[in-house]
Protein backbone atom coordinates (compact mmCIF):
# COMPACT_ATOMS: atom_id res chain seq x y z
CA MET A 1 49.55 -29.26 19.37
CA ASN A 2 51.39 -29.51 16.25
CA ASP A 3 51.44 -26.85 12.98
CA ARG A 4 48.23 -28.39 11.49
CA GLY A 5 46.80 -28.19 14.64
CA VAL A 6 47.46 -24.86 15.02
CA ARG A 7 46.63 -23.57 11.51
CA LEU A 8 42.91 -25.64 11.99
CA LEU A 9 42.25 -23.86 15.25
CA VAL A 10 43.31 -20.25 13.72
CA PHE A 11 41.39 -20.99 10.38
CA SER A 12 38.06 -22.14 12.81
CA LEU A 13 38.54 -18.48 14.81
CA VAL A 14 38.84 -16.29 11.43
CA PHE A 15 35.71 -18.28 10.43
CA PHE A 16 33.47 -17.69 13.60
CA LEU A 17 34.85 -14.07 13.79
CA TYR A 18 33.78 -13.92 10.04
CA ALA A 19 30.32 -15.61 10.80
CA LEU A 20 29.72 -13.24 13.79
CA GLN A 21 30.14 -10.06 11.97
CA GLY A 22 27.67 -11.28 9.11
CA TYR A 23 25.51 -12.20 11.59
CA ALA A 24 25.53 -8.83 13.88
CA GLY A 25 24.96 -6.90 10.10
CA ALA A 26 22.17 -9.03 8.89
CA GLN A 27 18.60 -8.37 8.90
CA VAL A 28 16.24 -10.48 10.79
CA LEU A 29 13.71 -12.35 9.37
CA ASN A 30 11.07 -14.70 10.20
CA PRO A 31 11.68 -17.91 8.81
CA SER A 32 8.19 -18.74 8.76
CA GLY A 33 7.28 -16.98 5.92
CA GLN A 34 3.94 -16.46 7.88
CA GLY A 35 4.27 -12.75 8.79
CA GLY A 36 7.91 -11.92 8.93
CA GLN A 37 9.69 -8.73 8.06
CA ALA A 38 12.82 -6.93 7.48
CA GLU A 39 13.88 -4.05 9.95
CA ASN A 40 15.25 -0.80 7.96
CA ILE A 41 14.68 2.76 7.57
CA LEU A 42 10.96 2.87 5.87
CA GLY A 43 10.41 0.57 8.72
CA PRO A 44 8.67 -2.96 8.93
CA GLN A 45 8.29 -4.59 5.86
CA SER A 46 7.20 -7.92 4.18
CA VAL A 47 9.04 -11.02 3.45
CA ARG A 48 6.01 -12.88 1.94
CA ALA A 49 4.77 -10.44 -0.97
CA LYS A 50 7.83 -11.01 -3.67
CA GLY A 51 8.21 -13.61 -6.74
CA GLU A 52 5.54 -16.70 -7.41
CA ILE A 53 2.92 -16.60 -5.25
CA ARG A 54 0.44 -19.38 -5.41
CA VAL A 55 -3.41 -18.88 -5.01
CA LEU A 56 -5.77 -21.62 -4.84
CA ILE A 57 -9.25 -20.22 -5.96
CA ALA A 58 -12.62 -22.05 -5.29
CA LEU A 59 -16.24 -21.19 -6.34
CA ALA A 60 -18.26 -22.08 -2.87
CA GLN A 61 -22.10 -23.27 -4.15
CA PHE A 62 -24.93 -23.52 -1.98
CA PRO A 63 -27.67 -26.11 -2.35
CA ASP A 64 -30.51 -22.87 -2.50
CA MET A 65 -28.79 -20.62 -4.62
CA GLN A 66 -27.67 -20.25 -8.15
CA PRO A 67 -24.78 -18.30 -9.67
CA ARG A 68 -25.90 -15.32 -11.81
CA VAL A 69 -22.36 -13.71 -12.47
CA PRO A 70 -20.78 -16.54 -15.59
CA MET A 71 -17.91 -18.13 -14.19
CA ARG A 72 -15.46 -16.92 -17.13
CA ARG A 73 -15.95 -13.45 -16.07
CA ILE A 74 -15.52 -14.24 -12.59
CA GLU A 75 -12.20 -16.30 -13.76
CA LYS A 76 -10.93 -13.14 -15.57
CA THR A 77 -11.12 -11.07 -13.08
CA VAL A 78 -9.56 -13.14 -9.97
CA VAL A 79 -6.87 -14.70 -12.12
CA GLN A 80 -5.86 -12.92 -15.09
CA ASP A 81 -6.97 -9.25 -14.12
CA LEU A 82 -5.52 -9.35 -10.66
CA ASN A 83 -2.39 -10.85 -12.06
CA ASP A 84 -2.08 -8.00 -13.99
CA TYR A 85 -2.94 -5.06 -10.84
CA VAL A 86 -0.48 -7.27 -8.58
CA LYS A 87 2.30 -7.07 -11.28
CA GLU A 88 1.71 -3.42 -11.96
CA GLN A 89 1.72 -2.05 -8.68
CA SER A 90 4.83 -4.51 -7.52
CA TYR A 91 6.49 -3.02 -10.08
CA GLY A 92 6.74 -6.48 -11.45
CA GLN A 93 8.82 -7.81 -8.08
CA THR A 94 4.99 -10.23 -7.95
CA TRP A 95 2.57 -12.47 -9.38
CA ILE A 96 0.06 -15.02 -9.12
CA LYS A 97 0.16 -18.28 -10.44
CA ALA A 98 -3.61 -19.45 -9.29
CA GLN A 99 -5.26 -22.72 -9.65
CA PHE A 100 -8.55 -22.20 -10.18
CA MET A 101 -10.72 -25.42 -9.27
CA GLY A 102 -13.85 -23.98 -10.66
CA TYR A 103 -17.56 -24.62 -8.21
CA VAL A 104 -17.15 -27.16 -5.72
CA SER A 105 -20.72 -27.96 -3.72
CA LEU A 106 -20.87 -27.02 0.00
CA PRO A 107 -23.95 -28.81 2.29
CA ASP A 108 -25.94 -26.28 3.71
CA PRO A 109 -28.15 -23.32 2.82
CA VAL A 110 -26.55 -19.63 2.33
CA SER A 111 -28.22 -18.85 5.72
CA ALA A 112 -25.77 -21.05 7.52
CA TYR A 113 -22.74 -19.11 6.38
CA ARG A 114 -24.16 -15.81 5.65
CA ILE A 115 -22.29 -12.78 7.92
CA SER A 116 -22.76 -9.18 8.38
CA PRO A 117 -21.85 -6.43 6.23
CA ASN A 118 -20.46 -4.43 9.80
CA ASN A 119 -16.40 -5.60 10.46
CA PHE A 120 -17.30 -5.50 13.98
CA GLU A 121 -20.44 -8.18 13.95
CA VAL A 122 -19.11 -10.13 11.44
CA ASP A 123 -19.69 -14.07 13.41
CA ARG A 124 -16.41 -16.03 12.76
CA ARG A 125 -17.60 -19.38 13.21
CA LYS A 126 -19.49 -18.69 9.63
CA VAL A 127 -16.05 -17.77 8.58
CA ARG A 128 -14.34 -21.07 9.68
CA LYS A 129 -17.18 -23.32 8.46
CA LEU A 130 -17.37 -21.40 5.20
CA ILE A 131 -13.46 -22.25 4.81
CA GLU A 132 -13.58 -25.69 6.33
CA ASP A 133 -15.96 -26.42 4.05
CA THR A 134 -14.94 -25.66 0.89
CA MET A 135 -11.58 -27.57 2.40
CA ILE A 136 -13.58 -30.49 2.73
CA ALA A 137 -14.71 -30.30 -0.64
CA LEU A 138 -11.69 -29.64 -2.51
CA GLU A 139 -9.17 -32.32 0.03
CA THR A 140 -9.06 -35.13 -2.23
CA ARG A 141 -8.50 -32.78 -5.47
CA VAL A 142 -5.41 -30.52 -4.15
CA ASP A 143 -2.81 -31.03 -1.94
CA PHE A 144 -3.29 -27.96 0.38
CA SER A 145 0.87 -27.43 1.13
CA GLN A 146 1.59 -26.05 -2.13
CA PHE A 147 -0.53 -22.78 -1.71
CA GLN A 148 0.74 -19.92 0.35
CA ASN A 149 -2.84 -18.58 -0.10
CA MET A 150 -6.10 -19.55 -0.62
CA LEU A 151 -9.68 -17.57 -2.57
CA ILE A 152 -12.73 -18.54 -1.70
CA ILE A 153 -15.66 -17.34 -3.90
CA PRO A 154 -19.11 -17.43 -2.51
CA ALA A 155 -20.81 -17.86 -5.92
CA VAL A 156 -24.41 -16.19 -5.11
CA MET A 157 -24.79 -12.03 -6.41
CA THR A 158 -24.45 -10.00 -2.99
CA GLN A 159 -25.22 -6.40 -1.83
CA PRO A 160 -24.36 -5.43 1.63
CA GLY A 161 -26.70 -7.26 4.04
CA LYS A 162 -27.87 -8.98 0.91
CA GLY A 163 -26.73 -12.57 -0.88
CA TYR A 164 -23.63 -13.83 1.39
CA GLY A 165 -23.87 -10.47 3.55
CA MET A 166 -20.66 -8.60 3.07
CA MET A 167 -18.82 -8.66 -0.25
CA CYS A 168 -14.91 -9.21 0.65
CA TYR A 169 -12.89 -10.04 3.78
CA CYS A 170 -9.61 -11.20 4.77
CA ALA A 171 -10.13 -14.73 6.66
CA ASN A 172 -6.32 -15.09 7.70
CA PRO A 173 -5.03 -13.02 8.87
CA GLY A 174 -8.46 -10.83 9.65
CA MET A 175 -11.95 -12.12 10.39
CA LEU A 176 -11.09 -15.21 12.27
CA THR A 177 -9.22 -13.78 15.04
CA GLY A 178 -9.84 -10.09 14.70
CA VAL A 179 -7.94 -7.55 12.82
CA ARG A 180 -7.29 -5.77 16.49
CA GLY A 181 -5.69 -6.85 19.68
CA THR A 182 -3.78 -10.18 18.59
CA PRO A 183 -4.51 -10.74 14.83
CA ARG A 184 -2.54 -14.04 13.65
CA PHE A 185 -3.22 -16.69 10.50
CA VAL A 186 -5.19 -19.47 12.12
CA THR A 187 -4.54 -22.82 10.80
CA LEU A 188 -7.94 -24.60 9.46
CA ARG A 189 -8.29 -28.15 8.82
CA SER A 190 -10.28 -30.28 6.91
CA GLN A 191 -12.50 -33.53 8.10
CA GLY A 192 -9.90 -35.58 6.28
CA GLY A 193 -7.18 -33.66 8.65
CA LYS A 194 -5.53 -31.83 5.96
CA GLU A 195 -4.68 -28.29 7.26
CA PHE A 196 -3.91 -24.76 5.76
CA SER A 197 -2.52 -21.65 7.88
CA GLY A 198 -1.72 -19.40 4.77
CA GLY A 199 -3.75 -16.13 3.83
CA ILE A 200 -7.02 -16.77 3.02
CA PHE A 201 -9.56 -14.09 1.61
CA VAL A 202 -12.78 -14.00 0.24
CA GLY A 203 -15.51 -12.68 -2.15
CA VAL A 204 -18.23 -12.63 -3.88
CA GLU A 205 -18.92 -13.37 -7.31
CA ASN A 206 -20.18 -9.84 -8.50
CA ALA A 207 -17.18 -8.20 -5.83
CA PRO A 208 -15.08 -5.63 -8.11
CA LEU A 209 -11.21 -6.09 -8.74
CA GLY A 210 -10.26 -3.51 -5.86
CA MET A 211 -12.15 -6.05 -3.53
CA PHE A 212 -10.23 -8.86 -3.96
CA ALA A 213 -7.04 -7.16 -4.69
CA HIS A 214 -7.41 -5.25 -1.18
CA ASP A 215 -8.13 -8.05 1.30
CA PHE A 216 -5.24 -9.90 -1.15
CA PHE A 217 -2.97 -7.47 0.27
CA HIS A 218 -3.49 -8.20 4.03
CA ALA A 219 -2.96 -12.22 3.48
CA LEU A 220 -0.20 -10.81 1.33
CA GLY A 221 1.70 -8.49 4.38
CA GLY A 222 0.92 -10.86 6.73
CA ILE A 223 1.87 -9.38 10.47
CA SER A 224 4.07 -7.44 12.41
CA GLY A 225 3.70 -7.31 16.21
CA ASN A 226 -0.14 -7.23 17.13
CA THR A 227 -0.80 -6.09 13.30
CA ARG A 228 -1.23 -6.49 10.12
CA LEU A 229 1.20 -4.88 8.20
CA VAL A 230 -0.92 -3.94 5.24
CA PRO A 231 -3.78 -2.62 7.34
CA CYS A 232 -7.55 -1.24 6.38
CA LEU A 233 -6.88 2.32 5.70
CA TYR A 234 -10.60 3.30 5.48
CA ASN A 235 -12.82 4.41 8.51
CA PHE A 236 -13.61 1.66 10.54
CA ASP A 237 -16.52 3.50 12.62
CA ARG A 238 -17.76 4.99 9.47
CA GLN A 239 -17.92 1.19 7.39
CA ALA A 240 -21.34 -0.18 8.50
CA GLU A 241 -22.85 3.00 7.72
CA ALA A 242 -21.83 3.68 4.46
CA SER A 243 -23.06 0.01 3.28
CA ARG A 244 -26.11 0.70 4.24
CA ARG A 245 -25.84 3.31 2.13
CA HIS A 246 -24.10 2.56 -0.63
CA GLN A 247 -22.12 5.84 -0.53
CA TRP A 248 -18.22 4.21 -0.30
CA GLU A 249 -16.67 7.65 -0.14
CA TYR A 250 -18.37 8.10 3.58
CA CYS A 251 -15.58 6.06 5.16
CA THR A 252 -12.86 6.93 2.85
CA ASP A 253 -12.27 10.36 4.83
CA PHE A 254 -8.42 9.41 5.87
CA MET A 255 -7.38 8.60 2.62
CA GLY A 256 -9.96 9.27 0.32
CA THR A 257 -9.31 7.25 -3.43
CA TRP A 258 -5.09 7.21 -3.13
CA ASP A 259 -5.37 3.92 -2.66
CA VAL A 260 -6.94 0.73 -3.01
CA MET A 261 -6.92 -0.13 1.09
CA SER A 262 -8.76 2.63 1.40
CA ALA A 263 -11.04 2.80 -1.85
CA HIS A 264 -12.09 -0.43 -3.32
CA TYR A 265 -12.73 1.60 -7.06
CA VAL A 266 -13.04 5.00 -8.37
CA GLY A 267 -15.67 5.88 -10.58
CA LYS A 268 -17.60 3.75 -12.17
CA GLY A 269 -15.17 0.87 -10.49
CA SER A 270 -11.71 0.77 -12.16
CA PRO A 271 -9.22 0.11 -8.79
CA PRO A 272 -6.82 3.20 -7.89
CA GLY A 273 -2.97 2.26 -7.06
CA LEU A 274 -1.50 1.87 -4.29
CA SER A 275 0.06 4.88 -2.12
CA SER A 276 3.39 4.65 -1.28
CA PHE A 277 2.74 3.52 2.55
CA THR A 278 1.23 0.02 0.92
CA ARG A 279 3.70 -0.36 -1.60
CA ILE A 280 6.76 -0.33 1.16
CA ARG A 281 4.98 -2.24 3.92
CA LEU A 282 4.73 -4.93 0.82
CA GLY A 283 8.34 -4.31 -0.01
CA TRP A 284 7.92 -3.18 -3.21
CA ILE A 285 9.56 -0.03 -2.55
CA THR A 286 13.07 -0.49 -1.43
CA PRO A 287 15.47 2.12 0.75
CA GLU A 288 17.20 2.58 -1.62
CA GLN A 289 14.49 3.88 -3.27
CA ALA A 290 13.58 6.45 -0.43
CA ILE A 291 15.28 9.52 0.68
CA LEU A 292 15.31 10.16 4.39
CA VAL A 293 15.55 13.72 5.91
CA ARG A 294 14.88 14.71 8.98
CA PRO A 295 13.18 17.95 10.60
CA GLY A 296 15.31 20.72 10.19
CA GLU A 297 17.76 19.40 7.54
CA GLU A 298 16.80 20.99 3.87
CA LYS A 299 16.16 18.86 0.94
CA GLU A 300 15.74 19.61 -3.52
CA THR A 301 14.62 16.12 -4.32
CA PHE A 302 13.00 14.71 -7.91
CA LEU A 303 10.49 11.89 -7.42
CA ALA A 304 9.06 9.76 -10.55
CA PRO A 305 5.85 9.48 -10.32
CA LEU A 306 5.20 6.54 -7.97
CA ALA A 307 2.63 4.71 -10.20
CA LYS A 308 5.18 4.03 -12.82
CA GLY A 309 8.20 3.17 -10.63
CA GLY A 310 11.81 5.09 -10.92
CA THR A 311 15.15 5.31 -8.53
CA ALA A 312 13.71 7.64 -6.29
CA LEU A 313 9.65 7.32 -5.29
CA VAL A 314 9.27 9.05 -1.56
CA VAL A 315 10.46 10.78 1.13
CA LYS A 316 10.29 10.10 4.43
CA ILE A 317 10.39 12.35 7.10
CA PRO A 318 10.38 11.24 10.44
CA LEU A 319 8.68 12.87 13.48
CA ALA A 320 8.51 12.03 17.16
CA GLU A 321 6.60 8.94 18.86
CA GLY A 322 7.60 6.81 15.40
CA GLN A 323 5.22 8.79 13.29
CA TYR A 324 6.47 9.72 10.02
CA TYR A 325 5.56 11.78 6.89
CA LEU A 326 5.51 10.45 3.34
CA VAL A 327 6.15 12.42 0.13
CA GLU A 328 5.28 10.66 -3.58
CA ASN A 329 4.42 12.17 -6.90
CA ARG A 330 1.30 10.75 -8.20
CA GLN A 331 0.44 11.90 -11.73
CA PRO A 332 -2.39 10.69 -14.23
CA VAL A 333 -0.04 7.00 -15.43
CA GLY A 334 -0.92 3.76 -15.09
CA LEU A 335 -3.85 3.24 -12.84
CA ASP A 336 -3.39 6.80 -11.32
CA ALA A 337 -5.02 7.93 -14.72
CA VAL A 338 -8.28 7.24 -12.76
CA GLN A 339 -7.11 9.84 -10.00
CA PRO A 340 -8.87 13.29 -10.12
CA ASP A 341 -5.86 15.03 -9.65
CA SER A 342 -2.31 15.33 -9.65
CA GLY A 343 1.16 16.40 -7.94
CA ILE A 344 2.86 15.96 -4.61
CA LEU A 345 0.30 13.81 -2.28
CA ILE A 346 1.65 14.22 1.23
CA LEU A 347 1.00 11.16 4.62
CA LYS A 348 1.24 11.24 7.75
CA VAL A 349 1.86 7.80 8.94
CA ASN A 350 0.77 6.83 12.53
CA PRO A 351 2.09 3.18 13.11
CA SER A 352 0.43 2.91 16.53
CA ALA A 353 -2.98 3.67 15.65
CA LEU A 354 -5.89 1.07 15.87
CA GLU A 355 -6.44 -0.55 12.11
CA GLY A 356 -9.41 1.51 10.80
CA THR A 357 -8.51 4.70 12.83
CA GLY A 358 -6.25 6.13 10.82
CA THR A 359 -3.41 5.04 10.45
CA VAL A 360 -2.40 6.80 7.18
CA ARG A 361 -4.16 10.24 7.16
CA ILE A 362 -3.82 12.46 3.51
CA MET A 363 -2.34 16.25 4.25
CA ASP A 364 -5.25 17.99 2.24
CA ALA A 365 -3.94 20.31 -0.29
CA ASP A 366 -7.29 21.92 -1.03
CA PRO A 367 -10.00 20.83 1.76
CA ASN A 368 -12.89 23.03 -0.22
CA PHE A 369 -13.10 19.76 -2.46
CA PRO A 370 -14.34 16.61 -0.89
CA ASN A 371 -13.24 13.19 -0.67
CA LEU A 372 -9.47 14.62 -1.19
CA SER A 373 -10.47 15.43 -4.77
CA ARG A 374 -7.64 18.09 -4.43
CA ALA A 375 -5.27 16.96 -1.83
CA THR A 376 -2.11 17.04 -3.86
CA PHE A 377 0.27 19.98 -4.11
CA ARG A 378 1.27 22.08 -6.75
CA LEU A 379 3.61 24.87 -7.22
CA ASP A 380 1.17 26.38 -10.48
CA GLN A 381 -1.64 26.39 -7.69
CA ASN A 382 -1.80 29.71 -5.01
CA ASN A 383 -3.50 27.87 -2.40
CA ARG A 384 -2.05 24.59 -2.40
CA ASN A 385 1.91 25.35 -2.90
CA LEU A 386 2.82 24.95 0.56
CA PHE A 387 2.40 22.79 3.69
CA VAL A 388 3.91 23.79 6.52
CA ASP A 389 4.36 21.79 10.28
CA LYS A 390 5.54 24.76 12.36
CA GLU A 391 5.40 22.37 15.25
CA ASN A 392 8.17 20.40 13.79
CA ASN A 393 10.03 23.43 12.09
CA LEU A 394 9.27 21.56 8.61
CA ALA A 395 7.71 23.19 5.28
CA ILE A 396 7.56 20.99 1.61
CA ILE A 397 7.43 22.87 -1.91
CA PRO A 398 6.64 21.07 -4.69
CA LEU A 399 8.50 22.29 -7.68
CA TRP A 400 9.24 21.83 -11.79
CA PRO A 401 9.23 19.16 -13.51
CA GLN A 402 12.44 17.70 -14.83
CA GLY A 403 11.41 15.54 -17.29
CA GLU A 404 8.96 12.42 -15.96
CA ASN A 405 9.60 13.62 -12.12
CA LEU A 406 8.47 16.35 -10.38
CA GLY A 407 10.61 18.10 -7.98
CA VAL A 408 9.84 19.10 -4.18
CA LEU A 409 11.50 20.72 -1.57
CA VAL A 410 12.04 19.81 2.55
CA THR A 411 13.06 22.81 4.28
CA THR A 412 11.96 24.77 7.49
CA ALA A 413 8.81 26.06 8.34
CA SER A 414 11.35 29.75 8.87
CA LYS A 415 12.47 29.38 5.92
CA SER A 416 9.17 28.83 4.23
CA GLN A 417 8.16 31.62 2.73
CA GLU A 418 11.59 32.79 1.48
CA ALA A 419 11.83 29.25 -0.44
CA LEU A 420 8.45 29.99 -1.66
CA GLN A 421 9.12 32.98 -3.40
CA ALA A 422 12.40 32.23 -5.48
CA ALA A 423 10.37 28.64 -6.60
CA LEU A 424 7.33 30.72 -7.86
CA MET A 425 10.05 33.58 -9.48
CA ILE A 426 11.82 30.43 -11.32
CA ARG A 427 8.86 29.15 -12.05
CA GLN A 428 7.66 32.31 -13.75
CA LEU A 429 11.54 32.38 -15.36
CA GLY A 430 11.25 29.32 -16.71
CA GLN A 431 7.94 29.69 -18.44
CA GLY A 432 9.66 33.46 -19.39
CA GLY A 433 9.06 33.86 -23.54
CA PRO A 434 10.92 33.48 -26.74
CA ASP A 435 14.43 34.10 -25.34
CA TYR A 436 14.48 31.48 -22.59
CA GLY A 437 16.82 28.74 -23.41
CA SER A 438 19.48 31.02 -24.53
CA GLY A 439 21.36 34.39 -23.39
CA LYS A 440 21.37 36.05 -20.71
CA ALA A 441 17.86 34.54 -19.52
CA LYS A 442 19.46 31.23 -19.60
CA GLN A 443 22.43 32.55 -17.12
CA GLN A 444 20.11 33.93 -15.03
CA ILE A 445 18.06 30.47 -14.54
CA GLU A 446 21.12 28.94 -13.92
CA GLU A 447 21.80 30.92 -11.31
CA ALA A 448 18.83 31.76 -9.24
CA LEU A 449 18.52 27.27 -9.90
CA GLU A 450 22.07 27.27 -8.31
CA ALA A 451 21.44 29.49 -5.29
CA PHE A 452 18.57 27.34 -4.68
CA ARG A 453 19.71 24.47 -4.34
CA ARG A 454 22.28 25.74 -1.57
CA PHE A 455 19.34 26.72 0.47
CA ASP A 456 19.87 30.38 -0.33
CA PHE A 457 16.52 31.02 -1.03
CA ARG A 458 16.52 35.31 -0.49
CA LYS A 459 19.82 35.18 -3.32
CA SER A 460 17.90 32.69 -5.81
CA TYR A 461 14.79 34.92 -5.38
CA GLU A 462 16.79 37.75 -6.33
CA ILE A 463 18.82 36.63 -9.24
CA ALA A 464 15.84 35.16 -11.03
CA LYS A 465 13.87 38.70 -9.74
């Protein structure tokens, strides 16, 4: 072999080694875009939920029903308002480019498409008929391959069990296969052979914004393994009864109004924002914005308001069997202004739970108030300033604000009382009157804080006292 051949062989070997190294360190992504996810310390995250999301929107009109909600009002909700909501919740990382087609005529009366308001009793054949009949009405006008998602709006005034039957749902992935077992993206076909395999969600003409957002996020997240990356966070067993009673809060006992995947609206109709769990699953919180703390470790940190965004947004505490806690700061900014409470919110996540059985549950700081309405932990509330998990030797204590951010301490259960007493004394010293901010008081609080940061809580307490 001549010198040129040797150099070529060496170059090829070096290139191969670099390529192999890069492959070994890379995140594995699903190239189909249907439900791929990247693995990191936060767990599975969607890779199909960022950037411009193209959505085809059509109003399905039945021959025996006249629409009652003006088309322009519907268009504003599903085009402008939904896009604004998605942009805000994604911190500007995701936006919708909608093609609003207006009304399309379906061939059969609404009874041929009507479904049950109970998740477990929906006739999948009728769901498929609605979608494929809508595709037939559109197939000469649009190229389905240009869209990642489709929204179909049955143009009939609906309440649970009336009109169309169910107000909103995600068909793909969802009702077409069921959400438990093996949910997947189904390929739908028009009469002319046009196909669509993307996300499909359905909401009636009088559905509120939060319902459209809820089911859009199912479609946007996709599939991971045998589950939807963005699951429902309400109680499936209570869902039908809640619909019958017209009391949605009856089935939101896991998460209350703290995530639109649990409750579609707060009060008179404003949609709630998303929890850190759903933002993580959609890829809108990155590993760099999370602090990982294992049980037995200690960490003091300050979290930005979740609704506003920032460099530190969530603390993750892994537990046995794949479960974990998420700790977030919920303040009355953005859509979190509609929440009944503010402070440090603690979520316990069980990824292996069947959808609708409590994938995420809030650790309620004050169970004496209904519907998790005082669920946050706050240092200024004596009965809400300490969370202890003795089994995992873990304690979480809310701290004082630092600008817009709010402090949180993760420590051990055995040190929880010392840590709480020190935190309370520092807070009291920080409110200590006109002399605070200079002289001896300033030095005292600085020394107390320094001992606190070293997790020497007994010394911190003595200094502050």
